[in-house]
Amino acid sequence: DTIDEIGNCHLDGSVTAYYDPIVSKTADGEFCVYIDAAKGAGLITEIIYFEDGVLKNPFYDIENPIDSPTLRTSVVTCKDFDGDTVVEVPIMQPLPVEEQFSINQQAYLTKWCVYGKAEFVEKMYALVNYNDGYYINLDKSMIDDITVTRVPEKRQRTIYAYDYEENKFLNELFHIRAV
């Protein structure tokens, strides 16, 4: 007939709204709660779990409470992307943009990651167009050889071969335009 506290931990205090939490497991098979939260113009994911009897949020840094490795500019929530009962968290990596392009033409590689052993493990890679509603899955061998530019007013993405050592655009491989 009472409520007893069995643990507590900090959550990011600068979020403005929470999505429905997901009770699932980490890649290690431990139960946890995934919490997507609106932060600025994007989202973060916080993962809460017990370790050795202590409630933990591995992404909250008391020294730097504003940053999160899960911060992403698009409002895409974590989900069990591949149906294996382990939730994947989208981590967005900005791709190189040519100087003549503006920042609103920045494209991102979405790395779908699972959390386990106190770190993220990359599982799947995709180029995602959240505005037009499609994505292209990529093989891991491709992600170090391409980049993408966006032309939002044309609803177009252009995929280029890219030399990351020289920071140089190579040939246009193809483009996609939503019509």
N, C-alpha and C. Protein backbone atom coordinates (compact mmCIF):
# COMPACT_ATOMS: atom_id res chain seq x y z
N ASP A 1 0.80 -1.20 0.00
CA ASP A 1 0.00 0.00 0.00
C ASP A 1 0.85 1.27 0.00
N THR A 2 2.14 1.13 -0.33
CA THR A 2 3.00 2.31 -0.37
C THR A 2 3.78 2.32 -1.68
N ILE A 3 4.34 3.45 -1.93
CA ILE A 3 5.22 3.60 -3.09
C ILE A 3 6.62 3.80 -2.54
N ASP A 4 7.54 2.98 -2.97
CA ASP A 4 8.93 3.09 -2.54
C ASP A 4 9.80 3.41 -3.74
N GLU A 5 10.72 4.34 -3.55
CA GLU A 5 11.66 4.66 -4.61
C GLU A 5 12.74 3.59 -4.64
N ILE A 6 12.95 3.02 -5.83
CA ILE A 6 14.00 2.02 -5.96
C ILE A 6 15.19 2.55 -6.77
N GLY A 7 15.06 3.77 -7.29
CA GLY A 7 16.16 4.37 -8.03
C GLY A 7 15.74 5.68 -8.65
N ASN A 8 16.73 6.47 -9.02
CA ASN A 8 16.46 7.70 -9.75
C ASN A 8 17.67 8.04 -10.59
N CYS A 9 17.45 8.83 -11.61
CA CYS A 9 18.55 9.30 -12.46
C CYS A 9 18.10 10.60 -13.14
N HIS A 10 19.04 11.34 -13.67
CA HIS A 10 18.75 12.59 -14.36
C HIS A 10 18.30 12.32 -15.78
N LEU A 11 17.37 13.16 -16.24
CA LEU A 11 17.00 13.22 -17.65
C LEU A 11 17.38 14.60 -18.15
N ASP A 12 17.48 14.74 -19.45
CA ASP A 12 17.84 16.02 -20.06
C ASP A 12 16.76 17.04 -19.72
N GLY A 13 17.12 18.10 -19.03
CA GLY A 13 16.16 19.10 -18.59
C GLY A 13 15.75 20.10 -19.65
N SER A 14 16.36 20.04 -20.83
CA SER A 14 16.02 21.03 -21.85
C SER A 14 15.08 20.49 -22.92
N VAL A 15 14.50 19.32 -22.71
CA VAL A 15 13.54 18.81 -23.68
C VAL A 15 12.19 19.49 -23.47
N THR A 16 11.39 19.52 -24.52
CA THR A 16 10.09 20.20 -24.44
C THR A 16 8.91 19.24 -24.47
N ALA A 17 9.13 17.99 -24.88
CA ALA A 17 8.04 17.01 -24.91
C ALA A 17 8.64 15.62 -25.01
N TYR A 18 7.88 14.65 -24.53
CA TYR A 18 8.30 13.26 -24.60
C TYR A 18 7.34 12.46 -25.48
N TYR A 19 7.88 11.50 -26.21
CA TYR A 19 7.08 10.54 -26.96
C TYR A 19 6.82 9.35 -26.04
N ASP A 20 5.96 8.44 -26.45
CA ASP A 20 5.67 7.27 -25.64
C ASP A 20 6.95 6.46 -25.43
N PRO A 21 7.24 6.13 -24.19
CA PRO A 21 8.43 5.31 -23.92
C PRO A 21 8.23 3.89 -24.45
N ILE A 22 9.34 3.24 -24.79
CA ILE A 22 9.32 1.86 -25.28
C ILE A 22 10.10 1.00 -24.30
N VAL A 23 9.44 0.00 -23.72
CA VAL A 23 10.14 -0.95 -22.87
C VAL A 23 10.63 -2.07 -23.78
N SER A 24 11.93 -2.31 -23.75
CA SER A 24 12.53 -3.29 -24.63
C SER A 24 13.77 -3.85 -23.96
N LYS A 25 14.69 -4.32 -24.76
CA LYS A 25 15.96 -4.83 -24.25
C LYS A 25 17.10 -4.17 -25.00
N THR A 26 18.24 -4.14 -24.35
CA THR A 26 19.46 -3.69 -25.02
C THR A 26 19.99 -4.86 -25.86
N ALA A 27 21.03 -4.63 -26.62
CA ALA A 27 21.67 -5.70 -27.39
C ALA A 27 22.23 -6.78 -26.47
N ASP A 28 22.48 -6.43 -25.21
CA ASP A 28 22.99 -7.39 -24.22
C ASP A 28 21.88 -8.21 -23.58
N GLY A 29 20.62 -7.92 -23.93
CA GLY A 29 19.50 -8.66 -23.37
C GLY A 29 18.96 -8.11 -22.07
N GLU A 30 19.46 -6.95 -21.64
CA GLU A 30 18.98 -6.32 -20.40
C GLU A 30 17.75 -5.47 -20.69
N PHE A 31 16.76 -5.50 -19.78
CA PHE A 31 15.59 -4.67 -19.96
C PHE A 31 15.95 -3.19 -19.79
N CYS A 32 15.29 -2.34 -20.56
CA CYS A 32 15.52 -0.90 -20.48
C CYS A 32 14.29 -0.18 -21.01
N VAL A 33 14.32 1.14 -20.87
CA VAL A 33 13.26 1.99 -21.41
C VAL A 33 13.91 2.99 -22.35
N TYR A 34 13.41 3.03 -23.59
CA TYR A 34 13.86 4.00 -24.58
C TYR A 34 12.88 5.16 -24.55
N ILE A 35 13.39 6.38 -24.41
CA ILE A 35 12.53 7.56 -24.33
C ILE A 35 12.99 8.58 -25.37
N ASP A 36 12.17 8.77 -26.40
CA ASP A 36 12.44 9.83 -27.38
C ASP A 36 11.87 11.13 -26.84
N ALA A 37 12.61 12.21 -27.01
CA ALA A 37 12.19 13.50 -26.47
C ALA A 37 12.50 14.61 -27.47
N ALA A 38 11.57 15.54 -27.62
CA ALA A 38 11.78 16.70 -28.49
C ALA A 38 12.76 17.65 -27.83
N LYS A 39 13.75 18.06 -28.60
CA LYS A 39 14.76 18.98 -28.09
C LYS A 39 15.11 19.94 -29.23
N GLY A 40 14.79 21.21 -29.05
CA GLY A 40 15.01 22.16 -30.14
C GLY A 40 14.17 21.75 -31.33
N ALA A 41 14.80 21.71 -32.52
CA ALA A 41 14.09 21.33 -33.73
C ALA A 41 14.21 19.84 -34.02
N GLY A 42 14.78 19.07 -33.10
CA GLY A 42 14.98 17.66 -33.35
C GLY A 42 14.57 16.78 -32.19
N LEU A 43 15.22 15.63 -32.10
CA LEU A 43 14.92 14.64 -31.07
C LEU A 43 16.21 14.12 -30.45
N ILE A 44 16.07 13.63 -29.23
CA ILE A 44 17.11 12.82 -28.60
C ILE A 44 16.44 11.54 -28.12
N THR A 45 17.25 10.53 -27.84
CA THR A 45 16.76 9.31 -27.20
C THR A 45 17.54 9.10 -25.92
N GLU A 46 16.82 8.91 -24.84
CA GLU A 46 17.45 8.56 -23.57
C GLU A 46 17.12 7.10 -23.29
N ILE A 47 18.09 6.38 -22.76
CA ILE A 47 17.91 4.96 -22.45
C ILE A 47 18.13 4.81 -20.95
N ILE A 48 17.12 4.29 -20.27
CA ILE A 48 17.15 4.16 -18.81
C ILE A 48 17.15 2.67 -18.47
N TYR A 49 18.05 2.25 -17.58
CA TYR A 49 18.10 0.84 -17.18
C TYR A 49 18.79 0.71 -15.83
N PHE A 50 18.61 -0.42 -15.21
CA PHE A 50 19.29 -0.72 -13.95
C PHE A 50 20.58 -1.47 -14.24
N GLU A 51 21.64 -1.05 -13.54
CA GLU A 51 22.91 -1.77 -13.61
C GLU A 51 23.44 -1.88 -12.19
N ASP A 52 23.62 -3.09 -11.74
CA ASP A 52 24.08 -3.35 -10.37
C ASP A 52 23.21 -2.63 -9.34
N GLY A 53 21.89 -2.64 -9.57
CA GLY A 53 20.94 -2.06 -8.63
C GLY A 53 20.82 -0.55 -8.69
N VAL A 54 21.52 0.09 -9.66
CA VAL A 54 21.48 1.55 -9.79
C VAL A 54 20.81 1.90 -11.11
N LEU A 55 19.85 2.84 -11.07
CA LEU A 55 19.18 3.31 -12.27
C LEU A 55 20.13 4.23 -13.03
N LYS A 56 20.32 3.97 -14.34
CA LYS A 56 21.29 4.73 -15.14
C LYS A 56 20.66 5.32 -16.38
N ASN A 57 21.19 6.47 -16.77
CA ASN A 57 20.93 7.10 -18.05
C ASN A 57 22.31 7.38 -18.63
N PRO A 58 22.82 6.53 -19.50
CA PRO A 58 24.21 6.64 -19.95
C PRO A 58 24.53 7.89 -20.75
N PHE A 59 23.52 8.59 -21.25
CA PHE A 59 23.79 9.76 -22.09
C PHE A 59 23.72 11.08 -21.36
N TYR A 60 23.30 11.04 -20.12
CA TYR A 60 23.26 12.29 -19.36
C TYR A 60 24.62 12.52 -18.74
N ASP A 61 25.22 13.65 -19.09
CA ASP A 61 26.53 14.03 -18.56
C ASP A 61 26.33 15.24 -17.66
N ILE A 62 26.55 15.06 -16.38
CA ILE A 62 26.31 16.13 -15.42
C ILE A 62 27.19 17.35 -15.71
N GLU A 63 28.38 17.12 -16.31
CA GLU A 63 29.29 18.22 -16.67
C GLU A 63 28.80 18.97 -17.92
N ASN A 64 28.16 18.27 -18.82
CA ASN A 64 27.69 18.85 -20.07
C ASN A 64 26.28 18.33 -20.36
N PRO A 65 25.28 18.81 -19.62
CA PRO A 65 23.94 18.23 -19.71
C PRO A 65 23.19 18.55 -21.01
N ILE A 66 23.75 19.37 -21.86
CA ILE A 66 23.03 19.79 -23.06
C ILE A 66 23.28 18.87 -24.24
N ASP A 67 24.46 18.29 -24.35
CA ASP A 67 24.79 17.44 -25.49
C ASP A 67 24.29 16.03 -25.30
N SER A 68 23.92 15.40 -26.39
CA SER A 68 23.55 13.99 -26.39
C SER A 68 24.05 13.38 -27.68
N PRO A 69 24.67 12.21 -27.63
CA PRO A 69 25.11 11.57 -28.87
C PRO A 69 23.95 11.16 -29.77
N THR A 70 22.73 11.18 -29.23
CA THR A 70 21.57 10.78 -30.01
C THR A 70 20.83 11.96 -30.63
N LEU A 71 21.32 13.18 -30.45
CA LEU A 71 20.63 14.35 -31.00
C LEU A 71 20.60 14.27 -32.52
N ARG A 72 19.40 14.45 -33.08
CA ARG A 72 19.23 14.41 -34.52
C ARG A 72 18.29 15.52 -34.95
N THR A 73 18.50 16.00 -36.17
CA THR A 73 17.74 17.14 -36.66
C THR A 73 16.36 16.76 -37.15
N SER A 74 16.16 15.52 -37.53
CA SER A 74 14.85 15.09 -38.01
C SER A 74 14.07 14.44 -36.88
N VAL A 75 12.77 14.57 -36.97
CA VAL A 75 11.91 14.01 -35.93
C VAL A 75 11.61 12.56 -36.32
N VAL A 76 12.59 11.70 -36.07
CA VAL A 76 12.43 10.27 -36.32
C VAL A 76 12.71 9.55 -35.01
N THR A 77 11.78 8.71 -34.60
CA THR A 77 11.89 8.05 -33.31
C THR A 77 12.65 6.73 -33.45
N CYS A 78 13.12 6.23 -32.31
CA CYS A 78 13.75 4.92 -32.30
C CYS A 78 12.67 3.87 -32.52
N LYS A 79 13.07 2.72 -33.04
CA LYS A 79 12.10 1.66 -33.31
C LYS A 79 12.85 0.36 -33.55
N ASP A 80 12.13 -0.72 -33.46
CA ASP A 80 12.70 -2.02 -33.84
C ASP A 80 12.63 -2.10 -35.36
N PHE A 81 13.65 -1.57 -35.99
CA PHE A 81 13.66 -1.37 -37.44
C PHE A 81 13.65 -2.70 -38.20
N ASP A 82 14.29 -3.72 -37.64
CA ASP A 82 14.44 -4.98 -38.38
C ASP A 82 13.68 -6.16 -37.77
N GLY A 83 12.85 -5.91 -36.75
CA GLY A 83 11.99 -6.94 -36.20
C GLY A 83 12.68 -7.98 -35.33
N ASP A 84 13.85 -7.67 -34.78
CA ASP A 84 14.57 -8.65 -33.95
C ASP A 84 14.31 -8.46 -32.46
N THR A 85 13.39 -7.62 -32.08
CA THR A 85 12.96 -7.29 -30.71
C THR A 85 13.95 -6.41 -29.96
N VAL A 86 15.00 -5.93 -30.60
CA VAL A 86 15.92 -4.97 -30.00
C VAL A 86 15.72 -3.64 -30.73
N VAL A 87 15.47 -2.59 -29.97
CA VAL A 87 15.20 -1.28 -30.56
C VAL A 87 16.48 -0.66 -31.13
N GLU A 88 16.35 -0.10 -32.32
CA GLU A 88 17.47 0.63 -32.93
C GLU A 88 17.23 2.12 -32.75
N VAL A 89 18.32 2.84 -32.52
CA VAL A 89 18.28 4.29 -32.34
C VAL A 89 18.92 4.93 -33.57
N PRO A 90 18.24 5.89 -34.22
CA PRO A 90 18.84 6.55 -35.38
C PRO A 90 19.87 7.59 -34.95
N ILE A 91 21.09 7.41 -35.39
CA ILE A 91 22.16 8.38 -35.15
C ILE A 91 22.44 9.02 -36.51
N MET A 92 22.35 10.34 -36.58
CA MET A 92 22.50 11.02 -37.86
C MET A 92 23.87 11.65 -37.98
N GLN A 93 24.58 11.30 -39.05
CA GLN A 93 25.92 11.82 -39.32
C GLN A 93 25.84 12.77 -40.51
N PRO A 94 26.25 14.04 -40.32
CA PRO A 94 26.22 14.96 -41.46
C PRO A 94 27.20 14.51 -42.55
N LEU A 95 26.77 14.64 -43.79
CA LEU A 95 27.61 14.29 -44.93
C LEU A 95 28.23 15.56 -45.51
N PRO A 96 29.39 15.44 -46.15
CA PRO A 96 30.05 16.63 -46.73
C PRO A 96 29.17 17.30 -47.78
N VAL A 97 29.25 18.62 -47.82
CA VAL A 97 28.49 19.44 -48.78
C VAL A 97 29.48 20.32 -49.53
N GLU A 98 29.27 20.47 -50.84
CA GLU A 98 30.11 21.35 -51.62
C GLU A 98 29.91 22.80 -51.18
N GLU A 99 30.94 23.62 -51.32
CA GLU A 99 30.89 25.00 -50.83
C GLU A 99 29.76 25.81 -51.42
N GLN A 100 29.39 25.57 -52.69
CA GLN A 100 28.33 26.37 -53.30
C GLN A 100 26.95 26.02 -52.78
N PHE A 101 26.84 24.93 -52.01
CA PHE A 101 25.55 24.56 -51.43
C PHE A 101 25.39 25.25 -50.09
N SER A 102 24.15 25.54 -49.74
CA SER A 102 23.88 26.18 -48.45
C SER A 102 23.67 25.10 -47.39
N ILE A 103 23.65 25.52 -46.13
CA ILE A 103 23.51 24.58 -45.02
C ILE A 103 22.16 23.85 -45.06
N ASN A 104 21.11 24.48 -45.65
CA ASN A 104 19.82 23.78 -45.71
C ASN A 104 19.85 22.66 -46.74
N GLN A 105 20.95 22.52 -47.45
CA GLN A 105 21.10 21.42 -48.40
C GLN A 105 21.93 20.28 -47.80
N GLN A 106 22.25 20.40 -46.51
CA GLN A 106 22.99 19.36 -45.80
C GLN A 106 22.19 18.07 -45.79
N ALA A 107 22.83 16.97 -46.10
CA ALA A 107 22.20 15.66 -46.02
C ALA A 107 22.89 14.86 -44.92
N TYR A 108 22.23 13.81 -44.48
CA TYR A 108 22.73 13.00 -43.37
C TYR A 108 22.68 11.52 -43.72
N LEU A 109 23.64 10.80 -43.19
CA LEU A 109 23.61 9.35 -43.20
C LEU A 109 22.97 8.95 -41.88
N THR A 110 21.94 8.12 -41.94
CA THR A 110 21.31 7.64 -40.72
C THR A 110 21.88 6.27 -40.40
N LYS A 111 22.50 6.20 -39.23
CA LYS A 111 23.05 4.93 -38.75
C LYS A 111 22.07 4.39 -37.71
N TRP A 112 21.45 3.26 -37.98
CA TRP A 112 20.55 2.63 -37.03
C TRP A 112 21.42 1.78 -36.11
N CYS A 113 21.45 2.15 -34.84
CA CYS A 113 22.37 1.54 -33.88
C CYS A 113 21.61 0.86 -32.75
N VAL A 114 22.21 -0.20 -32.22
CA VAL A 114 21.68 -0.84 -31.02
C VAL A 114 22.60 -0.48 -29.87
N TYR A 115 22.01 -0.41 -28.69
CA TYR A 115 22.78 -0.05 -27.51
C TYR A 115 23.10 -1.32 -26.73
N GLY A 116 24.37 -1.46 -26.39
CA GLY A 116 24.79 -2.60 -25.59
C GLY A 116 26.21 -2.42 -25.10
N LYS A 117 26.49 -2.96 -23.93
CA LYS A 117 27.82 -2.87 -23.33
C LYS A 117 28.31 -1.42 -23.27
N ALA A 118 27.41 -0.51 -22.89
CA ALA A 118 27.71 0.91 -22.67
C ALA A 118 28.15 1.64 -23.93
N GLU A 119 27.75 1.15 -25.12
CA GLU A 119 28.09 1.86 -26.35
C GLU A 119 27.08 1.50 -27.44
N PHE A 120 27.06 2.31 -28.48
CA PHE A 120 26.23 2.00 -29.63
C PHE A 120 27.01 1.15 -30.61
N VAL A 121 26.31 0.19 -31.20
CA VAL A 121 26.88 -0.64 -32.25
C VAL A 121 26.06 -0.39 -33.51
N GLU A 122 26.74 0.01 -34.58
CA GLU A 122 26.06 0.30 -35.84
C GLU A 122 25.54 -1.00 -36.44
N LYS A 123 24.28 -0.95 -36.89
CA LYS A 123 23.65 -2.16 -37.40
C LYS A 123 23.21 -2.03 -38.85
N MET A 124 22.62 -0.87 -39.18
CA MET A 124 22.12 -0.64 -40.53
C MET A 124 22.42 0.80 -40.91
N TYR A 125 22.50 1.04 -42.21
CA TYR A 125 22.81 2.37 -42.72
C TYR A 125 21.79 2.73 -43.78
N ALA A 126 21.35 4.01 -43.76
CA ALA A 126 20.35 4.42 -44.73
C ALA A 126 20.49 5.90 -45.06
N LEU A 127 20.14 6.23 -46.28
CA LEU A 127 19.92 7.62 -46.68
C LEU A 127 18.41 7.80 -46.61
N VAL A 128 17.97 8.68 -45.74
CA VAL A 128 16.54 8.82 -45.48
C VAL A 128 16.06 10.20 -45.91
N ASN A 129 15.00 10.22 -46.68
CA ASN A 129 14.34 11.47 -47.04
C ASN A 129 13.04 11.49 -46.25
N TYR A 130 13.08 12.16 -45.10
CA TYR A 130 11.91 12.19 -44.22
C TYR A 130 10.78 13.03 -44.81
N ASN A 131 11.11 14.05 -45.58
CA ASN A 131 10.07 14.91 -46.16
C ASN A 131 9.26 14.18 -47.22
N ASP A 132 9.94 13.43 -48.09
CA ASP A 132 9.24 12.76 -49.19
C ASP A 132 8.90 11.31 -48.87
N GLY A 133 9.39 10.79 -47.75
CA GLY A 133 8.95 9.49 -47.27
C GLY A 133 9.61 8.28 -47.91
N TYR A 134 10.90 8.32 -48.15
CA TYR A 134 11.57 7.12 -48.66
C TYR A 134 12.97 7.03 -48.05
N TYR A 135 13.53 5.85 -48.13
CA TYR A 135 14.91 5.66 -47.69
C TYR A 135 15.59 4.63 -48.58
N ILE A 136 16.91 4.71 -48.60
CA ILE A 136 17.73 3.76 -49.35
C ILE A 136 18.67 3.11 -48.35
N ASN A 137 18.56 1.79 -48.19
CA ASN A 137 19.51 1.08 -47.33
C ASN A 137 20.85 0.98 -48.03
N LEU A 138 21.91 1.14 -47.26
CA LEU A 138 23.26 1.07 -47.81
C LEU A 138 24.03 -0.07 -47.16
N ASP A 139 24.89 -0.68 -47.92
CA ASP A 139 25.82 -1.64 -47.37
C ASP A 139 26.94 -0.87 -46.67
N LYS A 140 27.48 -1.45 -45.61
CA LYS A 140 28.54 -0.76 -44.85
C LYS A 140 29.72 -0.37 -45.74
N SER A 141 30.01 -1.18 -46.75
CA SER A 141 31.14 -0.89 -47.64
C SER A 141 30.94 0.38 -48.45
N MET A 142 29.70 0.85 -48.56
CA MET A 142 29.41 2.04 -49.37
C MET A 142 29.55 3.35 -48.59
N ILE A 143 29.41 3.31 -47.26
CA ILE A 143 29.25 4.56 -46.53
C ILE A 143 30.51 5.41 -46.51
N ASP A 144 31.66 4.83 -46.75
CA ASP A 144 32.90 5.61 -46.77
C ASP A 144 33.26 6.09 -48.17
N ASP A 145 32.37 5.88 -49.14
CA ASP A 145 32.67 6.23 -50.53
C ASP A 145 31.66 7.15 -51.18
N ILE A 146 30.63 7.60 -50.43
CA ILE A 146 29.61 8.43 -51.05
C ILE A 146 29.26 9.62 -50.16
N THR A 147 28.64 10.59 -50.78
CA THR A 147 28.00 11.68 -50.06
C THR A 147 26.73 12.05 -50.81
N VAL A 148 25.92 12.89 -50.22
CA VAL A 148 24.63 13.25 -50.79
C VAL A 148 24.42 14.75 -50.63
N THR A 149 23.83 15.37 -51.63
CA THR A 149 23.39 16.75 -51.49
C THR A 149 21.88 16.80 -51.68
N ARG A 150 21.27 17.80 -51.06
CA ARG A 150 19.82 17.99 -51.13
C ARG A 150 19.52 19.29 -51.88
N VAL A 151 18.50 19.25 -52.69
CA VAL A 151 17.94 20.47 -53.28
C VAL A 151 16.45 20.43 -52.94
N PRO A 152 16.10 20.97 -51.75
CA PRO A 152 14.72 20.82 -51.26
C PRO A 152 13.66 21.38 -52.20
N GLU A 153 13.93 22.52 -52.84
CA GLU A 153 12.89 23.11 -53.70
C GLU A 153 12.60 22.23 -54.92
N LYS A 154 13.54 21.37 -55.32
CA LYS A 154 13.32 20.43 -56.42
C LYS A 154 12.93 19.04 -55.92
N ARG A 155 12.93 18.86 -54.57
CA ARG A 155 12.68 17.55 -53.96
C ARG A 155 13.64 16.51 -54.52
N GLN A 156 14.91 16.90 -54.55
CA GLN A 156 15.93 16.06 -55.19
C GLN A 156 17.09 15.77 -54.25
N ARG A 157 17.59 14.54 -54.31
CA ARG A 157 18.82 14.13 -53.64
C ARG A 157 19.77 13.65 -54.74
N THR A 158 21.04 14.09 -54.65
CA THR A 158 22.04 13.64 -55.61
C THR A 158 23.13 12.90 -54.84
N ILE A 159 23.42 11.69 -55.29
CA ILE A 159 24.41 10.85 -54.63
C ILE A 159 25.68 10.90 -55.47
N TYR A 160 26.79 11.21 -54.79
CA TYR A 160 28.10 11.34 -55.43
C TYR A 160 29.08 10.32 -54.86
N ALA A 161 30.02 9.90 -55.69
CA ALA A 161 31.20 9.22 -55.17
C ALA A 161 32.01 10.30 -54.47
N TYR A 162 32.65 9.97 -53.36
CA TYR A 162 33.35 10.98 -52.57
C TYR A 162 34.65 10.40 -52.02
N ASP A 163 35.71 11.20 -52.10
CA ASP A 163 37.01 10.81 -51.55
C ASP A 163 37.16 11.51 -50.21
N TYR A 164 36.99 10.76 -49.12
CA TYR A 164 37.05 11.34 -47.77
C TYR A 164 38.47 11.72 -47.37
N GLU A 165 39.48 11.06 -47.92
CA GLU A 165 40.86 11.43 -47.60
C GLU A 165 41.22 12.78 -48.18
N GLU A 166 40.75 13.05 -49.40
CA GLU A 166 41.04 14.31 -50.08
C GLU A 166 39.93 15.35 -49.89
N ASN A 167 38.83 14.97 -49.21
CA ASN A 167 37.66 15.84 -49.07
C ASN A 167 37.24 16.39 -50.43
N LYS A 168 36.95 15.46 -51.34
CA LYS A 168 36.71 15.86 -52.72
C LYS A 168 35.53 15.09 -53.32
N PHE A 169 34.62 15.86 -53.93
CA PHE A 169 33.52 15.26 -54.67
C PHE A 169 34.08 14.63 -55.94
N LEU A 170 33.59 13.44 -56.27
CA LEU A 170 33.99 12.76 -57.50
C LEU A 170 32.78 12.75 -58.44
N ASN A 171 32.49 11.66 -59.07
CA ASN A 171 31.41 11.59 -60.05
C ASN A 171 30.03 11.55 -59.39
N GLU A 172 29.07 12.16 -60.09
CA GLU A 172 27.68 11.98 -59.68
C GLU A 172 27.30 10.55 -60.05
N LEU A 173 26.76 9.82 -59.09
CA LEU A 173 26.35 8.44 -59.34
C LEU A 173 24.92 8.38 -59.85
N PHE A 174 24.02 9.08 -59.16
CA PHE A 174 22.63 9.14 -59.58
C PHE A 174 21.91 10.20 -58.75
N HIS A 175 20.72 10.55 -59.17
CA HIS A 175 19.90 11.43 -58.34
C HIS A 175 18.47 10.88 -58.31
N ILE A 176 17.78 11.29 -57.25
CA ILE A 176 16.40 10.88 -57.05
C ILE A 176 15.58 12.14 -56.91
N ARG A 177 14.49 12.22 -57.62
CA ARG A 177 13.59 13.36 -57.49
C ARG A 177 12.18 12.83 -57.25
N ALA A 178 11.58 13.29 -56.17
CA ALA A 178 10.20 12.92 -55.87
C ALA A 178 9.27 13.79 -56.69
N VAL A 179 8.35 13.14 -57.38
CA VAL A 179 7.39 13.88 -58.21
C VAL A 179 5.97 13.46 -57.85
